[in-house]
Protein backbone atom coordinates (compact mmCIF):
# COMPACT_ATOMS: atom_id res chain seq x y z
CA MET A 1 -4.58 65.22 -37.58
CA GLU A 2 -1.74 63.08 -36.38
CA ILE A 3 -2.35 60.30 -33.83
CA PRO A 4 0.07 60.38 -30.89
CA MET A 5 2.54 57.52 -30.79
CA ARG A 6 1.62 56.68 -27.16
CA PHE A 7 -2.02 56.20 -28.11
CA LEU A 8 -1.08 53.82 -30.91
CA MET A 9 1.12 51.77 -28.57
CA ALA A 10 -1.69 51.52 -26.02
CA VAL A 11 -4.11 50.29 -28.66
CA LEU A 12 -1.65 47.67 -29.89
CA VAL A 13 -0.93 46.36 -26.35
CA THR A 14 -4.64 46.16 -25.54
CA GLY A 15 -5.29 44.25 -28.75
CA VAL A 16 -2.57 41.76 -27.99
CA ILE A 17 -3.92 41.18 -24.46
CA LEU A 18 -7.48 40.66 -25.72
CA ALA A 19 -6.25 38.23 -28.34
CA VAL A 20 -4.25 36.17 -25.86
CA LEU A 21 -6.72 35.98 -22.95
CA PRO A 22 -9.42 33.84 -24.63
CA ALA A 23 -6.86 31.29 -25.76
CA GLY A 24 -5.49 31.05 -22.25
CA ALA A 25 -8.98 30.77 -20.71
CA GLU A 26 -9.84 27.73 -22.82
CA ALA A 27 -6.99 25.64 -21.39
CA PRO A 28 -7.87 23.86 -18.09
CA ILE A 29 -5.47 23.74 -15.15
CA GLY A 30 -3.77 20.58 -16.29
CA GLY A 31 -3.83 19.27 -19.81
CA ASP A 32 -4.24 15.64 -20.87
CA GLN A 33 -6.49 13.59 -18.59
CA ALA A 34 -5.87 10.29 -16.80
CA TRP A 35 -7.47 8.43 -13.88
CA TYR A 36 -6.81 6.77 -10.56
CA ALA A 37 -9.10 3.82 -9.74
CA VAL A 38 -9.37 3.51 -5.95
CA HIS A 39 -10.55 0.01 -4.97
CA CYS A 40 -12.00 -0.61 -1.49
CA ASN A 41 -13.88 -3.39 0.30
CA GLU A 42 -16.45 -1.00 1.82
CA ASP A 43 -18.98 0.95 -0.25
CA GLY A 44 -19.71 4.44 1.05
CA ALA A 45 -16.12 4.99 2.20
CA LYS A 46 -14.80 8.48 1.49
CA VAL A 47 -11.64 8.99 -0.58
CA PHE A 48 -9.15 11.81 -0.08
CA PHE A 49 -6.07 12.76 -2.13
CA ASP A 50 -3.61 14.86 -0.10
CA GLY A 51 -6.52 15.64 2.25
CA GLU A 52 -8.81 16.76 -0.62
CA TYR A 53 -12.17 14.93 -0.80
CA LYS A 54 -12.65 13.12 -4.13
CA GLY A 55 -15.83 11.10 -3.67
CA ASP A 56 -17.30 7.90 -2.20
CA ILE A 57 -16.60 4.28 -3.05
CA GLN A 58 -19.47 2.76 -5.03
CA GLY A 59 -19.49 -0.81 -6.29
CA GLY A 60 -16.06 -1.31 -4.76
CA VAL A 61 -14.30 1.46 -6.71
CA LEU A 62 -14.00 5.22 -7.24
CA ASN A 63 -12.46 6.68 -10.43
CA VAL A 64 -10.65 9.96 -9.82
CA PRO A 65 -9.76 12.02 -12.93
CA VAL A 66 -6.46 13.92 -12.91
CA TYR A 67 -4.44 15.99 -15.36
CA THR A 68 -1.13 14.48 -16.38
CA THR A 69 0.60 17.86 -16.28
CA GLY A 70 -0.97 18.94 -12.99
CA THR A 71 0.72 18.90 -9.60
CA PRO A 72 1.10 15.21 -8.67
CA TYR A 73 -0.75 13.90 -5.61
CA LYS A 74 1.42 12.32 -2.94
CA THR A 75 -0.94 10.37 -0.65
CA TYR A 76 -4.46 8.98 -0.55
CA SER A 77 -6.66 7.95 2.35
CA VAL A 78 -9.96 6.10 2.64
CA GLN A 79 -12.20 6.37 5.68
CA LYS A 80 -15.60 5.30 6.90
CA GLU A 81 -17.30 5.57 10.27
CA GLY A 82 -16.72 2.45 12.35
CA TYR A 83 -13.58 1.49 10.42
CA THR A 84 -9.91 2.30 10.81
CA THR A 85 -8.67 4.87 8.28
CA PHE A 86 -6.46 3.55 5.48
CA SER A 87 -3.62 5.74 4.18
CA ASP A 88 -0.86 5.12 1.65
CA THR A 89 1.40 6.88 -0.83
CA ILE A 90 0.54 7.37 -4.51
CA PRO A 91 3.39 5.70 -6.42
CA GLY A 92 3.24 7.74 -9.62
CA VAL A 93 1.23 9.71 -12.17
CA PRO A 94 -0.65 7.94 -14.99
CA GLY A 95 0.00 8.97 -18.57
CA LYS A 96 -2.58 10.38 -20.96
CA GLY A 97 -5.63 8.08 -21.05
CA GLU A 98 -4.10 5.66 -18.52
CA THR A 99 -5.56 4.41 -15.23
CA PHE A 100 -3.55 3.64 -12.08
CA ASP A 101 -5.10 1.22 -9.58
CA LEU A 102 -4.93 2.05 -5.88
CA TYR A 103 -6.15 -0.34 -3.17
CA ALA A 104 -7.47 0.19 0.34
CA THR A 105 -8.73 -2.38 2.85
CA LEU A 106 -10.83 -1.07 5.74
CA ASN A 107 -10.97 -3.08 8.97
CA PRO A 108 -13.65 -2.63 11.65
CA MET A 109 -12.59 -0.75 14.73
CA GLN A 110 -12.37 -2.63 18.01
CA PRO A 111 -15.79 -2.56 19.68
CA THR A 112 -15.98 -0.06 22.48
CA GLN A 113 -18.19 0.01 25.53
CA PRO A 114 -19.14 3.09 27.53
CA PRO A 115 -16.77 3.52 30.50
CA LEU A 116 -18.29 2.56 33.83
CA ILE A 117 -15.43 3.44 36.14
CA GLY A 118 -12.91 5.37 34.09
CA GLY A 119 -9.35 4.84 32.99
CA ASP A 120 -7.60 3.47 29.94
CA VAL A 121 -9.02 0.37 28.29
CA GLY A 122 -7.68 -2.64 26.39
CA TRP A 123 -9.27 -5.80 25.05
CA PHE A 124 -9.07 -9.57 25.23
CA THR A 125 -10.20 -11.45 22.12
CA VAL A 126 -11.18 -15.02 22.99
CA HIS A 127 -11.05 -17.39 20.01
CA CYS A 128 -12.98 -20.68 20.17
CA ASN A 129 -13.94 -23.44 17.74
CA VAL A 130 -17.54 -23.71 19.03
CA ASP A 131 -20.09 -20.89 18.72
CA GLY A 132 -22.42 -20.39 21.67
CA ALA A 133 -19.77 -21.31 24.25
CA SER A 134 -19.84 -19.20 27.43
CA VAL A 135 -16.70 -17.34 28.53
CA SER A 136 -15.80 -16.45 32.11
CA PHE A 137 -12.80 -14.61 33.55
CA ASP A 138 -12.01 -15.72 37.10
CA ASN A 139 -15.56 -17.17 37.24
CA SER A 140 -17.04 -13.81 36.15
CA PRO A 141 -19.27 -14.27 33.04
CA GLN A 142 -18.11 -12.16 30.05
CA GLY A 143 -20.30 -13.27 27.16
CA VAL A 144 -20.78 -15.90 24.46
CA ILE A 145 -18.60 -16.90 21.50
CA THR A 146 -20.09 -15.63 18.21
CA ASN A 147 -18.54 -16.32 14.80
CA GLY A 148 -15.58 -17.88 16.58
CA VAL A 149 -14.67 -14.92 18.82
CA LEU A 150 -15.68 -12.86 21.84
CA THR A 151 -14.07 -9.47 22.52
CA VAL A 152 -13.94 -8.40 26.16
CA GLN A 153 -13.08 -4.83 27.20
CA VAL A 154 -11.02 -4.41 30.37
CA TYR A 155 -9.52 -1.50 32.25
CA THR A 156 -5.73 -1.47 32.21
CA THR A 157 -5.60 -0.20 35.79
CA ALA A 158 -8.11 -2.71 37.17
CA THR A 159 -7.19 -5.88 39.07
CA PRO A 160 -5.87 -8.28 36.42
CA PHE A 161 -7.78 -11.45 35.62
CA ARG A 162 -5.81 -14.65 36.13
CA THR A 163 -7.78 -17.39 34.34
CA TYR A 164 -10.41 -17.79 31.66
CA THR A 165 -12.92 -20.62 31.26
CA VAL A 166 -14.94 -21.63 28.20
CA THR A 167 -17.89 -24.00 28.58
CA LYS A 168 -20.76 -25.45 26.59
CA PRO A 169 -23.04 -28.41 27.32
CA GLY A 170 -21.79 -31.54 25.59
CA TYR A 171 -18.17 -30.38 25.62
CA GLN A 172 -15.31 -30.67 28.07
CA VAL A 173 -14.61 -27.50 30.05
CA TYR A 174 -11.59 -25.52 28.88
CA THR A 175 -9.58 -23.46 31.38
CA GLY A 176 -6.57 -21.35 30.47
CA THR A 177 -4.18 -18.96 32.19
CA ILE A 178 -4.10 -15.23 31.42
CA ASP A 179 -0.37 -14.50 31.49
CA ARG A 180 -0.45 -11.16 29.60
CA TYR A 181 -2.65 -8.13 30.21
CA PRO A 182 -3.39 -5.58 27.45
CA GLY A 183 -2.03 -2.06 27.64
CA LYS A 184 -3.94 1.04 26.59
CA GLY A 185 -5.60 0.38 23.22
CA GLU A 186 -4.00 -3.07 22.89
CA THR A 187 -5.63 -6.43 22.25
CA VAL A 188 -4.47 -9.74 23.70
CA ASP A 189 -5.62 -12.96 22.00
CA LEU A 190 -6.73 -15.96 24.03
CA TYR A 191 -7.49 -19.35 22.50
CA ALA A 192 -9.73 -22.23 23.59
CA THR A 193 -10.45 -25.53 21.85
CA LEU A 194 -13.53 -27.41 23.07
CA ASN A 195 -13.61 -31.19 22.66
CA PRO A 196 -16.82 -33.23 22.85
CA ALA A 197 -17.42 -34.76 26.25
CA PRO A 198 -16.90 -38.54 26.29
CA THR A 199 -20.07 -40.63 26.05
CA PRO A 200 -20.69 -42.29 29.45
CA THR A 201 -20.52 -46.10 29.42
CA PRO A 202 -23.81 -47.62 30.67
CA THR A 203 -23.37 -49.59 33.91
CA LYS A 204 -25.29 -52.70 34.83
CA SER A 205 -27.68 -52.41 37.71
CA PRO A 206 -26.75 -54.53 40.82
CA LEU A 207 -30.28 -55.87 40.80
CA VAL A 208 -29.84 -57.15 37.25
CA ALA A 209 -26.58 -58.82 38.24
CA ILE A 210 -28.40 -60.69 41.00
CA LEU A 211 -31.53 -61.62 39.05
CA VAL A 212 -29.69 -63.09 36.06
CA PRO A 213 -28.05 -65.99 37.99
CA VAL A 214 -31.31 -66.59 39.86
CA ALA A 215 -33.24 -66.79 36.62
CA VAL A 216 -30.70 -69.17 35.14
CA GLY A 217 -30.82 -71.38 38.22
CA ALA A 218 -34.62 -71.42 38.21
CA ALA A 219 -34.68 -72.40 34.57
CA GLY A 220 -32.26 -75.25 35.25
CA LEU A 221 -34.30 -76.55 38.21
CA LEU A 222 -37.48 -76.46 36.13
CA ALA A 223 -35.79 -78.47 33.41
CA VAL A 224 -34.69 -81.14 35.91
CA ARG A 225 -38.19 -81.50 37.32
CA ARG A 226 -39.64 -81.96 33.86
CA LYS A 227 -37.23 -84.82 33.20
CA GLU A 228 -38.34 -86.53 36.45
């Protein structure tokens, strides 16, 4: 019994497909492997490549494996709650077995306070050389210098402050002029240097000034009488 030619062709094609598929399934999406080492100053920060989550920073670094023949990533970002998000471009693709270092520095966000009145807010950052110094704006207390700074939230539409004063016992009072007001989301830096108050010079009592000549005169009179 003769086998139809079409049947033989179908068998051959199926065999070829079955032979090729396993070989193709073994190969991963890329090929040779390499790594990006993302360095960051904040552990627990989340790392994204082109918006795709890759993991968290631990011990100051996260190693991200990539395939050298895969589609290259363009950007990376690092974010953590309470910090401004860091984003930058990825300069190239590492070769087989290589590691490219990427760096991200996260800075704390400006402290925010719950709105009391409403409106856009900005900040004044008062810098001072003495911790514990009290800060006032137009004689309105604002807080105390800690670690060299005090950040004060203000409403951009409120009545502008005109002066700021920094005081601490044992130091001369510092008063400065506020000549620039922050816009929405902006920060204006103010600076104050406190100098130690001069040590008061002790003054002689008037009574002492009178008694000293009297005592000297009495001593002289007593000496004269003894000679007589």
